[in-house]
Amino acid sequence: MSAKEKAKAKAEQIVGKAVQKTARMRGKKTTEDKGAALGLRGKARARKEKAKDFFKK
């Protein structure tokens, strides 16, 4: 996994979690769901990169 893609995936996960927690505190369900989706997108990106590395071997 390239360092750039790895950092991008981790950043999406962190931002998603922060948005989700902030929205939960403010009681904004829609924004909370958007934060959760962003976090899942980051996890999916990381898994995709790991799969690419696995098949390169």
Protein backbone atom coordinates (compact mmCIF):
# COMPACT_ATOMS: atom_id res chain seq x y z
CA MET A 1 0.00 0.00 0.00
CA SER A 2 1.43 3.33 -0.95
CA ALA A 3 2.02 5.73 1.90
CA LYS A 4 -0.17 8.35 0.25
CA GLU A 5 -3.17 6.04 -0.04
CA LYS A 6 -2.62 4.70 3.47
CA ALA A 7 -2.60 8.23 4.88
CA LYS A 8 -5.70 9.15 2.90
CA ALA A 9 -7.59 6.12 4.22
CA LYS A 10 -6.57 6.82 7.81
CA ALA A 11 -7.49 10.50 7.49
CA GLU A 12 -10.97 9.58 6.23
CA GLN A 13 -11.45 7.25 9.18
CA ILE A 14 -10.36 9.89 11.71
CA VAL A 15 -12.42 12.70 10.17
CA GLY A 16 -15.45 10.43 9.90
CA LYS A 17 -15.23 9.47 13.54
CA ALA A 18 -14.80 13.11 14.61
CA VAL A 19 -17.79 14.24 12.55
CA GLN A 20 -19.87 11.39 13.90
CA LYS A 21 -19.06 12.16 17.54
CA THR A 22 -19.59 15.90 17.13
CA ALA A 23 -22.94 15.38 15.42
CA ARG A 24 -24.02 12.93 18.11
CA MET A 25 -23.29 15.54 20.79
CA ARG A 26 -25.29 18.16 18.89
CA GLY A 27 -28.16 15.75 18.16
CA LYS A 28 -27.87 15.90 14.37
CA LYS A 29 -28.69 12.43 13.10
CA THR A 30 -28.15 13.17 9.39
CA THR A 31 -24.67 14.55 9.95
CA GLU A 32 -23.88 11.65 12.26
CA ASP A 33 -24.77 9.24 9.47
CA LYS A 34 -22.57 11.16 7.03
CA GLY A 35 -19.65 10.87 9.46
CA ALA A 36 -20.23 7.13 9.80
CA ALA A 37 -20.29 6.78 6.00
CA LEU A 38 -17.04 8.71 5.70
CA GLY A 39 -15.40 6.44 8.26
CA LEU A 40 -16.58 3.34 6.42
CA ARG A 41 -15.26 4.72 3.16
CA GLY A 42 -11.84 5.09 4.78
CA LYS A 43 -11.96 1.51 6.04
CA ALA A 44 -12.97 0.26 2.59
CA ARG A 45 -10.12 2.19 0.98
CA ALA A 46 -7.63 0.62 3.40
CA ARG A 47 -8.98 -2.88 2.72
CA LYS A 48 -8.78 -2.29 -1.04
CA GLU A 49 -5.15 -1.27 -0.78
CA LYS A 50 -4.31 -4.27 1.39
CA ALA A 51 -5.95 -6.58 -1.16
CA LYS A 52 -3.94 -4.98 -3.97
CA ASP A 53 -0.74 -5.57 -2.00
CA PHE A 54 -1.71 -9.17 -1.31
CA PHE A 55 -2.18 -9.99 -4.98
CA LYS A 56 1.05 -8.24 -6.02
CA LYS A 57 3.07 -10.89 -4.18
